[in-house]
Amino acid sequence: MRVRLYIDTEGEVRRVQIMAENAGEWAPLQRMFERTRFLPGRRANANVASWLEIEVEVLELLRVL
């Protein structure tokens, strides 16, 4: 399953888009990412907001949720 995260200039996740037909069933995954901090994107030695798209293996995810 693919997940898109909008990460602000402070590294906080501001938006989570779960790219699946049954996205509503993955609320725990959404909450997990909303609480996760990332290093922000960088451009010209400055922090910038950015989108990060990742692939999540469902079987691995079920082991940790």
N, C-alpha and C. Protein backbone atom coordinates (compact mmCIF):
# COMPACT_ATOMS: atom_id res chain seq x y z
N MET A 1 0.85 -1.15 0.00
CA MET A 1 0.00 0.00 0.00
C MET A 1 0.90 1.23 0.00
N ARG A 2 0.52 2.24 -0.75
CA ARG A 2 1.29 3.48 -0.80
C ARG A 2 0.67 4.51 0.14
N VAL A 3 1.55 5.28 0.77
CA VAL A 3 1.13 6.32 1.69
C VAL A 3 1.87 7.60 1.31
N ARG A 4 1.15 8.69 1.20
CA ARG A 4 1.77 10.00 0.94
C ARG A 4 1.67 10.84 2.20
N LEU A 5 2.80 11.45 2.56
CA LEU A 5 2.88 12.29 3.75
C LEU A 5 3.30 13.70 3.37
N TYR A 6 2.61 14.69 3.90
CA TYR A 6 3.04 16.08 3.71
C TYR A 6 3.76 16.47 4.99
N ILE A 7 5.05 16.77 4.85
CA ILE A 7 5.91 17.08 6.00
C ILE A 7 6.24 18.56 5.95
N ASP A 8 5.97 19.28 7.05
CA ASP A 8 6.21 20.72 7.06
C ASP A 8 7.69 21.05 7.32
N THR A 9 7.99 22.33 7.42
CA THR A 9 9.38 22.77 7.58
C THR A 9 9.98 22.41 8.93
N GLU A 10 9.15 21.98 9.86
CA GLU A 10 9.63 21.56 11.18
C GLU A 10 9.74 20.04 11.29
N GLY A 11 9.37 19.33 10.24
CA GLY A 11 9.44 17.87 10.25
C GLY A 11 8.19 17.18 10.76
N GLU A 12 7.12 17.95 10.98
CA GLU A 12 5.87 17.35 11.46
C GLU A 12 4.99 16.96 10.28
N VAL A 13 4.33 15.82 10.40
CA VAL A 13 3.41 15.36 9.36
C VAL A 13 2.11 16.14 9.50
N ARG A 14 1.75 16.84 8.45
CA ARG A 14 0.53 17.66 8.45
C ARG A 14 -0.62 17.03 7.68
N ARG A 15 -0.28 16.07 6.80
CA ARG A 15 -1.34 15.43 6.01
C ARG A 15 -0.90 14.02 5.66
N VAL A 16 -1.84 13.09 5.76
CA VAL A 16 -1.59 11.69 5.42
C VAL A 16 -2.62 11.26 4.40
N GLN A 17 -2.15 10.74 3.28
CA GLN A 17 -3.04 10.21 2.24
C GLN A 17 -2.72 8.73 2.08
N ILE A 18 -3.69 7.89 2.40
CA ILE A 18 -3.51 6.45 2.22
C ILE A 18 -4.09 6.09 0.86
N MET A 19 -3.24 5.57 0.00
CA MET A 19 -3.61 5.29 -1.38
C MET A 19 -4.12 3.86 -1.50
N ALA A 20 -5.33 3.63 -0.99
CA ALA A 20 -5.93 2.30 -1.04
C ALA A 20 -7.44 2.47 -1.12
N GLU A 21 -8.10 1.50 -1.71
CA GLU A 21 -9.56 1.56 -1.82
C GLU A 21 -10.23 1.59 -0.46
N ASN A 22 -9.67 0.88 0.50
CA ASN A 22 -10.24 0.81 1.84
C ASN A 22 -9.47 1.69 2.82
N ALA A 23 -9.13 2.91 2.40
CA ALA A 23 -8.32 3.81 3.21
C ALA A 23 -8.93 4.06 4.59
N GLY A 24 -10.25 4.09 4.69
CA GLY A 24 -10.91 4.35 5.97
C GLY A 24 -10.62 3.29 7.01
N GLU A 25 -10.27 2.09 6.57
CA GLU A 25 -9.98 1.00 7.50
C GLU A 25 -8.58 1.11 8.11
N TRP A 26 -7.78 2.04 7.62
CA TRP A 26 -6.39 2.17 8.07
C TRP A 26 -6.18 3.38 8.98
N ALA A 27 -7.19 3.74 9.76
CA ALA A 27 -7.08 4.88 10.68
C ALA A 27 -5.91 4.73 11.65
N PRO A 28 -5.61 3.53 12.19
CA PRO A 28 -4.44 3.41 13.08
C PRO A 28 -3.14 3.75 12.37
N LEU A 29 -3.03 3.38 11.11
CA LEU A 29 -1.84 3.72 10.33
C LEU A 29 -1.73 5.23 10.16
N GLN A 30 -2.84 5.86 9.85
CA GLN A 30 -2.85 7.31 9.70
C GLN A 30 -2.42 8.00 10.98
N ARG A 31 -2.97 7.58 12.11
CA ARG A 31 -2.60 8.18 13.40
C ARG A 31 -1.13 7.97 13.71
N MET A 32 -0.60 6.78 13.38
CA MET A 32 0.81 6.50 13.63
C MET A 32 1.69 7.49 12.86
N PHE A 33 1.38 7.71 11.59
CA PHE A 33 2.18 8.65 10.81
C PHE A 33 1.99 10.09 11.28
N GLU A 34 0.79 10.45 11.71
CA GLU A 34 0.55 11.82 12.20
C GLU A 34 1.40 12.13 13.42
N ARG A 35 1.76 11.12 14.19
CA ARG A 35 2.57 11.32 15.40
C ARG A 35 4.08 11.18 15.15
N THR A 36 4.44 10.81 13.93
CA THR A 36 5.85 10.58 13.61
C THR A 36 6.51 11.86 13.13
N ARG A 37 7.76 12.08 13.55
CA ARG A 37 8.52 13.25 13.09
C ARG A 37 9.55 12.81 12.07
N PHE A 38 9.81 13.67 11.11
CA PHE A 38 10.78 13.41 10.05
C PHE A 38 11.74 14.59 9.96
N LEU A 39 12.86 14.37 9.32
CA LEU A 39 13.71 15.49 8.95
C LEU A 39 13.02 16.20 7.79
N PRO A 40 12.91 17.53 7.84
CA PRO A 40 12.26 18.23 6.74
C PRO A 40 13.12 18.20 5.48
N GLY A 41 12.48 18.46 4.34
CA GLY A 41 13.23 18.60 3.10
C GLY A 41 14.15 19.81 3.20
N ARG A 42 15.18 19.81 2.37
CA ARG A 42 16.13 20.92 2.37
C ARG A 42 16.32 21.41 0.94
N ARG A 43 16.37 22.71 0.78
CA ARG A 43 16.68 23.32 -0.51
C ARG A 43 17.42 24.62 -0.25
N ALA A 44 18.58 24.75 -0.87
CA ALA A 44 19.41 25.96 -0.72
C ALA A 44 19.67 26.25 0.76
N ASN A 45 20.02 25.21 1.51
CA ASN A 45 20.35 25.32 2.94
C ASN A 45 19.19 25.82 3.80
N ALA A 46 17.96 25.60 3.35
CA ALA A 46 16.80 26.00 4.14
C ALA A 46 15.82 24.83 4.19
N ASN A 47 15.12 24.71 5.32
CA ASN A 47 14.07 23.70 5.45
C ASN A 47 12.90 24.06 4.54
N VAL A 48 12.35 23.06 3.86
CA VAL A 48 11.18 23.27 3.02
C VAL A 48 10.16 22.16 3.29
N ALA A 49 8.91 22.49 3.12
CA ALA A 49 7.85 21.49 3.23
C ALA A 49 7.90 20.61 1.99
N SER A 50 7.51 19.34 2.14
CA SER A 50 7.58 18.44 1.00
C SER A 50 6.63 17.26 1.19
N TRP A 51 6.38 16.58 0.09
CA TRP A 51 5.61 15.34 0.10
C TRP A 51 6.59 14.17 0.10
N LEU A 52 6.27 13.14 0.86
CA LEU A 52 7.05 11.91 0.87
C LEU A 52 6.08 10.76 0.58
N GLU A 53 6.38 9.98 -0.44
CA GLU A 53 5.54 8.84 -0.78
C GLU A 53 6.32 7.57 -0.45
N ILE A 54 5.69 6.69 0.33
CA ILE A 54 6.35 5.46 0.74
C ILE A 54 5.45 4.26 0.48
N GLU A 55 6.07 3.11 0.37
CA GLU A 55 5.37 1.84 0.21
C GLU A 55 5.39 1.13 1.56
N VAL A 56 4.23 0.71 2.04
CA VAL A 56 4.11 0.01 3.32
C VAL A 56 3.70 -1.43 3.03
N GLU A 57 4.48 -2.37 3.53
CA GLU A 57 4.14 -3.79 3.40
C GLU A 57 3.08 -4.13 4.44
N VAL A 58 1.92 -4.55 4.00
CA VAL A 58 0.79 -4.78 4.89
C VAL A 58 1.10 -5.89 5.90
N LEU A 59 1.72 -6.96 5.50
CA LEU A 59 2.01 -8.04 6.44
C LEU A 59 2.97 -7.59 7.54
N GLU A 60 3.96 -6.79 7.20
CA GLU A 60 4.88 -6.26 8.21
C GLU A 60 4.15 -5.30 9.13
N LEU A 61 3.27 -4.49 8.56
CA LEU A 61 2.51 -3.53 9.35
C LEU A 61 1.62 -4.21 10.37
N LEU A 62 0.97 -5.29 9.99
CA LEU A 62 0.06 -5.99 10.90
C LEU A 62 0.81 -6.54 12.12
N ARG A 63 2.08 -6.81 11.97
CA ARG A 63 2.87 -7.32 13.11
C ARG A 63 3.12 -6.25 14.16
N VAL A 64 3.14 -4.97 13.77
CA VAL A 64 3.45 -3.91 14.72
C VAL A 64 2.23 -3.15 15.21
N LEU A 65 1.10 -3.27 14.52
CA LEU A 65 -0.11 -2.53 14.97
C LEU A 65 -0.89 -3.34 15.99
